[in-house]
C-alpha atoms as a PDB file:
ATOM      1  CA  MET A   1     -24.725 -74.075 -59.952  1.00  0.00           C
ATOM      2  CA  ASN A   2     -20.969 -73.475 -60.620  1.00  0.00           C
ATOM      3  CA  GLU A   3     -20.237 -74.723 -57.083  1.00  0.00           C
ATOM      4  CA  ALA A   4     -22.483 -77.702 -57.604  1.00  0.00           C
ATOM      5  CA  LEU A   5     -20.451 -78.494 -60.955  1.00  0.00           C
ATOM      6  CA  ARG A   6     -17.061 -78.093 -58.962  1.00  0.00           C
ATOM      7  CA  ASP A   7     -18.332 -80.565 -56.149  1.00  0.00           C
ATOM      8  CA  TYR A   8     -19.730 -82.933 -58.877  1.00  0.00           C
ATOM      9  CA  LEU A   9     -16.280 -83.162 -60.536  1.00  0.00           C
ATOM     10  CA  LEU A  10     -14.354 -83.352 -57.194  1.00  0.00           C
ATOM     11  CA  GLY A  11     -16.761 -86.144 -56.210  1.00  0.00           C
ATOM     12  CA  HIS A  12     -15.889 -88.061 -59.365  1.00  0.00           C
ATOM     13  CA  ALA A  13     -12.210 -87.272 -59.209  1.00  0.00           C
ATOM     14  CA  ASP A  14     -11.083 -90.871 -58.386  1.00  0.00           C
ATOM     15  CA  GLU A  15     -13.366 -92.254 -61.034  1.00  0.00           C
ATOM     16  CA  MET A  16     -11.927 -90.192 -63.692  1.00  0.00           C
ATOM     17  CA  THR A  17      -8.438 -90.978 -62.627  1.00  0.00           C
ATOM     18  CA  ASN A  18      -9.032 -94.728 -62.714  1.00  0.00           C
ATOM     19  CA  SER A  19     -10.919 -94.501 -66.003  1.00  0.00           C
ATOM     20  CA  TRP A  20      -8.051 -92.519 -67.334  1.00  0.00           C
ATOM     21  CA  TYR A  21      -5.385 -94.928 -66.335  1.00  0.00           C
ATOM     22  CA  GLU A  22      -7.234 -98.030 -67.470  1.00  0.00           C
ATOM     23  CA  THR A  23      -7.758 -96.727 -71.025  1.00  0.00           C
ATOM     24  CA  LEU A  24      -4.296 -95.686 -71.430  1.00  0.00           C
ATOM     25  CA  GLU A  25      -2.493 -97.174 -74.404  1.00  0.00           C
ATOM     26  CA  GLU A  26       1.353 -96.644 -74.605  1.00  0.00           C
ATOM     27  CA  HIS A  27       3.857 -98.896 -76.101  1.00  0.00           C
ATOM     28  CA  ASP A  28       6.929 -96.522 -76.228  1.00  0.00           C
ATOM     29  CA  PRO A  29       9.257 -97.477 -73.358  1.00  0.00           C
ATOM     30  CA  ILE A  30      10.573 -94.070 -72.999  1.00  0.00           C
ATOM     31  CA  SER A  31       6.990 -92.791 -72.025  1.00  0.00           C
ATOM     32  CA  VAL A  32       6.133 -92.226 -68.418  1.00  0.00           C
ATOM     33  CA  TYR A  33       2.595 -93.765 -69.499  1.00  0.00           C
ATOM     34  CA  ALA A  34       4.301 -97.113 -70.584  1.00  0.00           C
ATOM     35  CA  ASN A  35       6.002 -97.800 -67.082  1.00  0.00           C
ATOM     36  CA  THR A  36       5.009-100.883 -65.076  1.00  0.00           C
ATOM     37  CA  ASN A  37       6.760 -99.981 -61.876  1.00  0.00           C
ATOM     38  CA  PRO A  38       4.071 -99.846 -59.224  1.00  0.00           C
ATOM     39  CA  THR A  39       5.621 -97.014 -57.542  1.00  0.00           C
ATOM     40  CA  LEU A  40       5.523 -94.889 -60.596  1.00  0.00           C
ATOM     41  CA  THR A  41       2.130 -96.140 -61.494  1.00  0.00           C
ATOM     42  CA  GLU A  42       0.742 -94.823 -58.162  1.00  0.00           C
ATOM     43  CA  GLN A  43       2.568 -91.436 -58.736  1.00  0.00           C
ATOM     44  CA  LEU A  44       1.103 -91.084 -62.195  1.00  0.00           C
ATOM     45  CA  LYS A  45      -2.373 -91.884 -60.787  1.00  0.00           C
ATOM     46  CA  GLU A  46      -1.807 -89.194 -57.994  1.00  0.00           C
ATOM     47  CA  GLN A  47      -0.645 -86.618 -60.220  1.00  0.00           C
ATOM     48  CA  ASN A  48      -3.855 -87.146 -62.508  1.00  0.00           C
ATOM     49  CA  ASN A  49      -5.964 -87.074 -59.390  1.00  0.00           C
ATOM     50  CA  GLN A  50      -4.256 -83.940 -58.162  1.00  0.00           C
ATOM     51  CA  PHE A  51      -4.916 -82.234 -61.543  1.00  0.00           C
ATOM     52  CA  HIS A  52      -8.599 -82.710 -60.925  1.00  0.00           C
ATOM     53  CA  GLN A  53      -8.390 -81.255 -57.405  1.00  0.00           C
ATOM     54  CA  TYR A  54      -6.947 -77.957 -58.774  1.00  0.00           C
ATOM     55  CA  PHE A  55      -8.726 -77.836 -62.130  1.00  0.00           C
ATOM     56  CA  ALA A  56     -12.384 -78.129 -60.842  1.00  0.00           C
ATOM     57  CA  ASN A  57     -11.986 -74.867 -59.147  1.00  0.00           C
ATOM     58  CA  ILE A  58     -12.024 -73.057 -62.520  1.00  0.00           C
ATOM     59  CA  PHE A  59     -15.692 -72.793 -62.313  1.00  0.00           C
ATOM     60  CA  VAL A  60     -15.597 -70.940 -58.829  1.00  0.00           C
ATOM     61  CA  GLU A  61     -12.376 -69.003 -58.779  1.00  0.00           C
ATOM     62  CA  ASP A  62     -11.152 -65.710 -60.352  1.00  0.00           C
ATOM     63  CA  GLU A  63      -8.744 -67.004 -63.250  1.00  0.00           C
ATOM     64  CA  GLU A  64      -5.757 -65.014 -61.940  1.00  0.00           C
ATOM     65  CA  ILE A  65      -5.909 -66.604 -58.524  1.00  0.00           C
ATOM     66  CA  TRP A  66      -6.768 -70.074 -59.974  1.00  0.00           C
ATOM     67  CA  PHE A  67      -3.624 -69.985 -62.204  1.00  0.00           C
ATOM     68  CA  GLN A  68      -1.638 -69.011 -59.258  1.00  0.00           C
ATOM     69  CA  LYS A  69      -2.740 -72.033 -57.310  1.00  0.00           C
ATOM     70  CA  PHE A  70      -2.521 -74.393 -60.382  1.00  0.00           C
ATOM     71  CA  ASP A  71       0.868 -73.482 -61.090  1.00  0.00           C
ATOM     72  CA  LYS A  72       1.782 -75.636 -58.128  1.00  0.00           C
ATOM     73  CA  TRP A  73       0.609 -78.670 -59.836  1.00  0.00           C
ATOM     74  CA  LEU A  74       2.224 -77.600 -63.195  1.00  0.00           C
ATOM     75  CA  GLN A  75       5.535 -77.177 -61.828  1.00  0.00           C
ATOM     76  CA  TRP A  76       5.431 -80.503 -60.196  1.00  0.00           C
ATOM     77  CA  ILE A  77       4.881 -82.287 -63.372  1.00  0.00           C
ATOM     78  CA  ALA A  78       7.040 -80.006 -65.614  1.00  0.00           C
ATOM     79  CA  SER A  79      10.063 -80.776 -63.425  1.00  0.00           C
ATOM     80  CA  ASP A  80       9.238 -84.494 -62.871  1.00  0.00           C
ATOM     81  CA  GLU A  81      12.094 -86.408 -64.418  1.00  0.00           C
ATOM     82  CA  GLU A  82       9.742 -89.126 -65.967  1.00  0.00           C
ATOM     83  CA  HIS A  83       7.611 -86.635 -67.585  1.00  0.00           C
ATOM     84  CA  LEU A  84      10.617 -84.627 -68.963  1.00  0.00           C
ATOM     85  CA  ARG A  85      11.917 -88.059 -70.407  1.00  0.00           C
ATOM     86  CA  THR A  86       8.598 -88.331 -72.150  1.00  0.00           C
ATOM     87  CA  PRO A  87       8.153 -86.862 -75.542  1.00  0.00           C
ATOM     88  CA  SER A  88       5.913 -83.654 -75.281  1.00  0.00           C
ATOM     89  CA  HIS A  89       3.584 -84.943 -77.910  1.00  0.00           C
ATOM     90  CA  TYR A  90       2.572 -87.850 -75.675  1.00  0.00           C
ATOM     91  CA  VAL A  91       1.964 -85.600 -72.713  1.00  0.00           C
ATOM     92  CA  ILE A  92      -0.120 -83.194 -74.912  1.00  0.00           C
ATOM     93  CA  ARG A  93      -2.133 -86.361 -76.006  1.00  0.00           C
ATOM     94  CA  GLU A  94      -3.065 -87.140 -72.503  1.00  0.00           C
ATOM     95  CA  PHE A  95      -4.009 -83.693 -71.819  1.00  0.00           C
ATOM     96  CA  LYS A  96      -6.437 -83.892 -74.700  1.00  0.00           C
ATOM     97  CA  ARG A  97      -7.734 -87.304 -73.637  1.00  0.00           C
ATOM     98  CA  VAL A  98      -8.386 -85.751 -70.076  1.00  0.00           C
ATOM     99  CA  ARG A  99     -10.185 -82.756 -71.512  1.00  0.00           C
ATOM    100  CA  PHE A 100     -12.538 -84.905 -73.560  1.00  0.00           C
ATOM    101  CA  GLN A 101     -13.018 -86.778 -70.322  1.00  0.00           C
ATOM    102  CA  TYR A 102     -13.838 -83.612 -68.528  1.00  0.00           C
ATOM    103  CA  LEU A 103     -16.280 -82.311 -71.026  1.00  0.00           C
ATOM    104  CA  GLY A 104     -18.120 -85.535 -70.858  1.00  0.00           C
ATOM    105  CA  TYR A 105     -18.457 -85.102 -67.161  1.00  0.00           C
ATOM    106  CA  VAL A 106     -19.552 -81.560 -67.467  1.00  0.00           C
ATOM    107  CA  LYS A 107     -21.994 -82.611 -70.119  1.00  0.00           C
ATOM    108  CA  GLN A 108     -23.574 -85.176 -67.875  1.00  0.00           C
ATOM    109  CA  PHE A 109     -23.777 -82.823 -64.991  1.00  0.00           C
ATOM    110  CA  ALA A 110     -25.731 -80.477 -67.162  1.00  0.00           C
ATOM    111  CA  LYS A 111     -28.250 -83.182 -68.251  1.00  0.00           C
ATOM    112  CA  GLU A 112     -28.699 -84.365 -64.847  1.00  0.00           C
ATOM    113  CA  HIS A 113     -29.467 -80.867 -63.561  1.00  0.00           C
ATOM    114  CA  GLU A 114     -31.493 -79.660 -66.691  1.00  0.00           C
ATOM    115  CA  VAL A 115     -28.846 -76.726 -67.270  1.00  0.00           C
ATOM    116  CA  SER A 116     -29.684 -74.629 -70.203  1.00  0.00           C
ATOM    117  CA  GLN A 117     -27.611 -75.152 -73.314  1.00  0.00           C
ATOM    118  CA  ASP A 118     -26.214 -71.552 -73.054  1.00  0.00           C
ATOM    119  CA  GLN A 119     -24.658 -72.335 -69.540  1.00  0.00           C
ATOM    120  CA  LEU A 120     -23.276 -75.677 -70.961  1.00  0.00           C
ATOM    121  CA  ASP A 121     -21.659 -73.934 -73.787  1.00  0.00           C
ATOM    122  CA  GLN A 122     -20.095 -71.482 -71.430  1.00  0.00           C
ATOM    123  CA  TRP A 123     -18.751 -74.265 -69.141  1.00  0.00           C
ATOM    124  CA  THR A 124     -17.505 -76.165 -72.337  1.00  0.00           C
ATOM    125  CA  ASN A 125     -15.733 -73.042 -73.706  1.00  0.00           C
ATOM    126  CA  LEU A 126     -14.137 -72.319 -70.407  1.00  0.00           C
ATOM    127  CA  VAL A 127     -12.786 -75.981 -70.151  1.00  0.00           C
ATOM    128  CA  ILE A 128     -11.372 -75.826 -73.434  1.00  0.00           C
ATOM    129  CA  ARG A 129      -9.677 -72.563 -73.129  1.00  0.00           C
ATOM    130  CA  MET A 130      -8.108 -73.397 -69.845  1.00  0.00           C
ATOM    131  CA  PHE A 131      -6.947 -76.576 -71.171  1.00  0.00           C
ATOM    132  CA  ASP A 132      -5.267 -75.128 -73.994  1.00  0.00           C
ATOM    133  CA  GLN A 133      -3.421 -72.470 -71.818  1.00  0.00           C
ATOM    134  CA  VAL A 134      -2.433 -75.277 -69.405  1.00  0.00           C
ATOM    135  CA  VAL A 135      -0.830 -77.254 -72.427  1.00  0.00           C
ATOM    136  CA  ILE A 136       1.191 -74.090 -73.486  1.00  0.00           C
ATOM    137  CA  ASP A 137       2.250 -73.325 -69.869  1.00  0.00           C
ATOM    138  CA  TYR A 138       3.267 -77.112 -69.373  1.00  0.00           C
ATOM    139  CA  VAL A 139       5.350 -77.084 -72.618  1.00  0.00           C
ATOM    140  CA  GLN A 140       7.059 -73.834 -71.656  1.00  0.00           C
ATOM    141  CA  ALA A 141       7.864 -74.849 -68.066  1.00  0.00           C
ATOM    142  CA  ALA A 142       9.024 -78.257 -69.153  1.00  0.00           C
ATOM    143  CA  ASN A 143      11.266 -76.814 -72.012  1.00  0.00           C
ATOM    144  CA  GLU A 144      12.800 -74.418 -69.461  1.00  0.00           C
ATOM    145  CA  ASN A 145      13.459 -77.377 -66.948  1.00  0.00           C
ATOM    146  CA  SER A 146      15.041 -79.375 -69.846  1.00  0.00           C
ATOM    147  CA  LYS A 147      17.323 -76.597 -70.682  1.00  0.00           C
ATOM    148  CA  GLU A 148      18.467 -76.560 -67.058  1.00  0.00           C
ATOM    149  CA  LEU A 149      18.891 -80.347 -66.876  1.00  0.00           C
ATOM    150  CA  LEU A 150      20.883 -79.861 -70.011  1.00  0.00           C
ATOM    151  CA  LYS A 151      23.031 -77.296 -68.727  1.00  0.00           C
ATOM    152  CA  ALA A 152      23.908 -79.464 -65.681  1.00  0.00           C
ATOM    153  CA  LYS A 153      24.680 -82.656 -67.872  1.00  0.00           C
ATOM    154  CA  GLU A 154      26.912 -80.368 -70.006  1.00  0.00           C
ATOM    155  CA  ALA A 155      28.828 -79.056 -66.916  1.00  0.00           C
ATOM    156  CA  ILE A 156      29.246 -82.678 -65.961  1.00  0.00           C
ATOM    157  CA  ILE A 157      30.671 -83.656 -69.403  1.00  0.00           C
ATOM    158  CA  ARG A 158      32.923 -80.667 -69.397  1.00  0.00           C
ATOM    159  CA  GLU A 159      34.406 -81.554 -66.060  1.00  0.00           C
ATOM    160  CA  LEU A 160      34.769 -85.205 -67.127  1.00  0.00           C
ATOM    161  CA  SER A 161      36.426 -84.050 -70.285  1.00  0.00           C
ATOM    162  CA  ALA A 162      39.262 -82.694 -68.120  1.00  0.00           C
ATOM    163  CA  PRO A 163      39.337 -84.554 -64.813  1.00  0.00           C
ATOM    164  CA  VAL A 164      41.904 -83.392 -62.624  1.00  0.00           C
ATOM    165  CA  ILE A 165      42.749 -86.012 -60.147  1.00  0.00           C
ATOM    166  CA  ALA A 166      44.502 -85.305 -56.803  1.00  0.00           C
ATOM    167  CA  LEU A 167      47.452 -87.635 -56.083  1.00  0.00           C
ATOM    168  CA  ASP A 168      48.432 -85.845 -52.866  1.00  0.00           C
ATOM    169  CA  ASP A 169      48.258 -82.461 -51.504  1.00  0.00           C
ATOM    170  CA  LYS A 170      50.402 -80.856 -54.244  1.00  0.00           C
ATOM    171  CA  LYS A 171      50.308 -83.356 -57.151  1.00  0.00           C
ATOM    172  CA  ALA A 172      47.616 -84.129 -59.659  1.00  0.00           C
ATOM    173  CA  LEU A 173      47.031 -86.247 -62.630  1.00  0.00           C
ATOM    174  CA  LEU A 174      45.062 -85.292 -65.978  1.00  0.00           C
ATOM    175  CA  PRO A 175      44.491 -88.433 -67.803  1.00  0.00           C
ATOM    176  CA  VAL A 176      43.376 -87.381 -71.614  1.00  0.00           C
ATOM    177  CA  ILE A 177      41.585 -90.088 -73.261  1.00  0.00           C
ATOM    178  CA  GLY A 178      39.943 -90.451 -76.671  1.00  0.00           C
ATOM    179  CA  GLU A 179      39.546 -88.085 -79.595  1.00  0.00           C
ATOM    180  CA  ILE A 180      40.443 -84.469 -79.193  1.00  0.00           C
ATOM    181  CA  ASP A 181      38.995 -81.841 -81.289  1.00  0.00           C
ATOM    182  CA  SER A 182      39.330 -78.091 -81.024  1.00  0.00           C
ATOM    183  CA  GLU A 183      36.163 -77.581 -78.967  1.00  0.00           C
ATOM    184  CA  ARG A 184      37.390 -80.301 -76.322  1.00  0.00           C
ATOM    185  CA  ALA A 185      40.750 -78.945 -76.315  1.00  0.00           C
ATOM    186  CA  GLY A 186      39.432 -75.680 -75.414  1.00  0.00           C
ATOM    187  CA  VAL A 187      37.333 -77.273 -72.546  1.00  0.00           C
ATOM    188  CA  ILE A 188      40.372 -79.264 -71.275  1.00  0.00           C
ATOM    189  CA  LEU A 189      42.419 -75.823 -71.289  1.00  0.00           C
ATOM    190  CA  GLU A 190      39.670 -74.072 -69.368  1.00  0.00           C
ATOM    191  CA  GLN A 191      38.732 -76.886 -66.749  1.00  0.00           C
ATOM    192  CA  THR A 192      42.103 -77.927 -66.172  1.00  0.00           C
ATOM    193  CA  LEU A 193      43.504 -74.500 -65.091  1.00  0.00           C
ATOM    194  CA  GLN A 194      40.318 -73.989 -63.035  1.00  0.00           C
ATOM    195  CA  GLN A 195      40.593 -77.160 -61.245  1.00  0.00           C
ATOM    196  CA  CYS A 196      44.310 -76.929 -60.568  1.00  0.00           C
ATOM    197  CA  ALA A 197      43.829 -73.503 -59.068  1.00  0.00           C
ATOM    198  CA  GLU A 198      41.017 -74.739 -56.902  1.00  0.00           C
ATOM    199  CA  LYS A 199      43.096 -77.608 -55.757  1.00  0.00           C
ATOM    200  CA  LYS A 200      46.276 -75.627 -55.280  1.00  0.00           C
ATOM    201  CA  VAL A 201      48.334 -78.120 -57.433  1.00  0.00           C
ATOM    202  CA  THR A 202      51.969 -77.420 -57.889  1.00  0.00           C
ATOM    203  CA  ASP A 203      52.730 -80.438 -60.260  1.00  0.00           C
ATOM    204  CA  LEU A 204      50.362 -81.697 -62.819  1.00  0.00           C
ATOM    205  CA  TYR A 205      51.080 -84.909 -64.830  1.00  0.00           C
ATOM    206  CA  ILE A 206      49.485 -84.971 -68.140  1.00  0.00           C
ATOM    207  CA  ASP A 207      49.116 -88.484 -69.539  1.00  0.00           C
ATOM    208  CA  LEU A 208      48.288 -88.664 -73.306  1.00  0.00           C
ATOM    209  CA  SER A 209      48.681 -92.371 -73.669  1.00  0.00           C
ATOM    210  CA  GLY A 210      44.865 -92.561 -74.390  1.00  0.00           C
ATOM    211  CA  VAL A 211      45.128 -89.987 -77.218  1.00  0.00           C
ATOM    212  CA  ALA A 212      45.906 -91.691 -80.587  1.00  0.00           C
ATOM    213  CA  SER A 213      46.330 -88.431 -82.780  1.00  0.00           C
ATOM    214  CA  ILE A 214      45.766 -84.664 -82.843  1.00  0.00           C
ATOM    215  CA  ASP A 215      45.351 -82.016 -85.377  1.00  0.00           C
ATOM    216  CA  THR A 216      47.196 -78.556 -85.650  1.00  0.00           C
ATOM    217  CA  MET A 217      44.620 -76.675 -83.599  1.00  0.00           C
ATOM    218  CA  VAL A 218      44.806 -79.275 -80.638  1.00  0.00           C
ATOM    219  CA  ALA A 219      48.700 -79.322 -80.670  1.00  0.00           C
ATOM    220  CA  HIS A 220      48.659 -75.464 -80.351  1.00  0.00           C
ATOM    221  CA  GLN A 221      46.037 -75.761 -77.448  1.00  0.00           C
ATOM    222  CA  ILE A 222      48.086 -78.324 -75.623  1.00  0.00           C
ATOM    223  CA  SER A 223      51.247 -75.940 -75.927  1.00  0.00           C
ATOM    224  CA  ASN A 224      48.962 -73.092 -74.692  1.00  0.00           C
ATOM    225  CA  LEU A 225      47.814 -75.246 -71.606  1.00  0.00           C
ATOM    226  CA  LEU A 226      51.547 -75.855 -70.796  1.00  0.00           C
ATOM    227  CA  GLN A 227      52.370 -72.153 -70.885  1.00  0.00           C
ATOM    228  CA  ALA A 228      49.410 -71.417 -68.813  1.00  0.00           C
ATOM    229  CA  LEU A 229      50.087 -73.941 -66.220  1.00  0.00           C
ATOM    230  CA  LYS A 230      53.626 -72.383 -65.834  1.00  0.00           C
ATOM    231  CA  LEU A 231      52.196 -68.869 -65.560  1.00  0.00           C
ATOM    232  CA  LEU A 232      49.908 -70.215 -62.561  1.00  0.00           C
ATOM    233  CA  GLY A 233      53.261 -71.734 -61.034  1.00  0.00           C
ATOM    234  CA  ILE A 234      52.299 -75.179 -61.784  1.00  0.00           C
ATOM    235  CA  THR A 235      54.915 -77.627 -63.211  1.00  0.00           C
ATOM    236  CA  PRO A 236      53.642 -79.813 -65.983  1.00  0.00           C
ATOM    237  CA  HIS A 237      54.851 -83.400 -66.669  1.00  0.00           C
ATOM    238  CA  ILE A 238      53.879 -85.088 -69.856  1.00  0.00           C
ATOM    239  CA  SER A 239      53.639 -88.980 -70.237  1.00  0.00           C
ATOM    240  CA  GLY A 240      52.511 -91.606 -72.828  1.00  0.00           C
ATOM    241  CA  MET A 241      52.983 -89.113 -75.767  1.00  0.00           C
ATOM    242  CA  ARG A 242      52.510 -91.371 -78.997  1.00  0.00           C
ATOM    243  CA  PRO A 243      54.706 -91.123 -81.916  1.00  0.00           C
ATOM    244  CA  GLU A 244      51.871 -89.567 -84.066  1.00  0.00           C
ATOM    245  CA  ILE A 245      51.537 -86.675 -81.551  1.00  0.00           C
ATOM    246  CA  ALA A 246      55.242 -86.080 -81.351  1.00  0.00           C
ATOM    247  CA  ASN A 247      55.479 -86.214 -85.254  1.00  0.00           C
ATOM    248  CA  THR A 248      52.751 -83.442 -85.527  1.00  0.00           C
ATOM    249  CA  SER A 249      54.237 -81.305 -82.671  1.00  0.00           C
ATOM    250  CA  ALA A 250      57.612 -81.320 -84.354  1.00  0.00           C
ATOM    251  CA  LYS A 251      56.340 -80.547 -87.730  1.00  0.00           C
ATOM    252  CA  LEU A 252      54.656 -77.490 -86.080  1.00  0.00           C
ATOM    253  CA  GLY A 253      57.774 -76.448 -84.437  1.00  0.00           C
ATOM    254  CA  ILE A 254      56.276 -77.005 -80.892  1.00  0.00           C
ATOM    255  CA  THR A 255      58.999 -78.112 -78.515  1.00  0.00           C
ATOM    256  CA  PHE A 256      58.802 -79.405 -74.922  1.00  0.00           C
ATOM    257  CA  SER A 257      62.373 -78.674 -74.141  1.00  0.00           C
ATOM    258  CA  ASP A 258      61.440 -77.308 -70.634  1.00  0.00           C
ATOM    259  CA  VAL A 259      58.713 -79.970 -69.894  1.00  0.00           C
ATOM    260  CA  GLN A 260      59.569 -83.291 -68.227  1.00  0.00           C
ATOM    261  CA  ILE A 261      58.549 -86.004 -70.660  1.00  0.00           C
ATOM    262  CA  THR A 262      58.619 -89.841 -69.925  1.00  0.00           C
ATOM    263  CA  SER A 263      57.237 -92.640 -71.956  1.00  0.00           C
ATOM    264  CA  SER A 264      54.650 -93.857 -69.341  1.00  0.00           C
ATOM    265  CA  LEU A 265      52.756 -92.377 -66.400  1.00  0.00           C
ATOM    266  CA  SER A 266      54.460 -94.862 -64.158  1.00  0.00           C
ATOM    267  CA  ASN A 267      57.817 -93.584 -65.104  1.00  0.00           C
ATOM    268  CA  ALA A 268      56.694 -90.007 -64.637  1.00  0.00           C
ATOM    269  CA  LEU A 269      55.506 -90.566 -61.132  1.00  0.00           C
ATOM    270  CA  ASN A 270      58.689 -92.601 -60.317  1.00  0.00           C
ATOM    271  CA  PHE A 271      60.734 -89.828 -61.746  1.00  0.00           C
END
């Protein structure tokens, strides 16, 4: 009878997918369920249909073996960028809708085959329990994947905070733009030294024309950067220093007597 139920559900998989999609009501544009792109729509239907292909086997397989097979589908969804961009409560809502749909088909099968209430209760409890576990596993996997994506984005942001641009085989440019706080200053120090070492830079042109002001901590970090570059055998050049920055540095007793300073980047490059 379990095998018959599995076959019954698989036989109605397409019907369940179409019914599920047609009853979707989503208005939040960031949700995967609100997309109007035909390609994404077909993918969403395929993901739902594949769920049925895996899930129906809970009635005939050992749970441990079933989870090992089902994990393939789970990782597919939990790593899907469209689902990762979708708030978790929307995804959980759809899991609940599919569970309700599933229970309806199980109940219909039991009615058509005159299955005992005790057997129906066992199937119902199994479906509910497995759906609950699937939701927990999805949220955990999606959370882990989101953290990895965040780390990757942070790495890109860190690198862009100190973009060392090669000018030729030996010279490079570090354009510093925007507000600099102590945290970003630390990132600039770390990333600049690393990139200069990797690119085997001998002369680094640091352009500060895009920085309006700095505080005490940032001024010291810039001084530390210059000293660290020298320890690596790299000659630092500074251009575009604004009066506010020069004033702050002077008040702190930070001098650049041994560093080439020019009013603009073009002057530095033509020095």
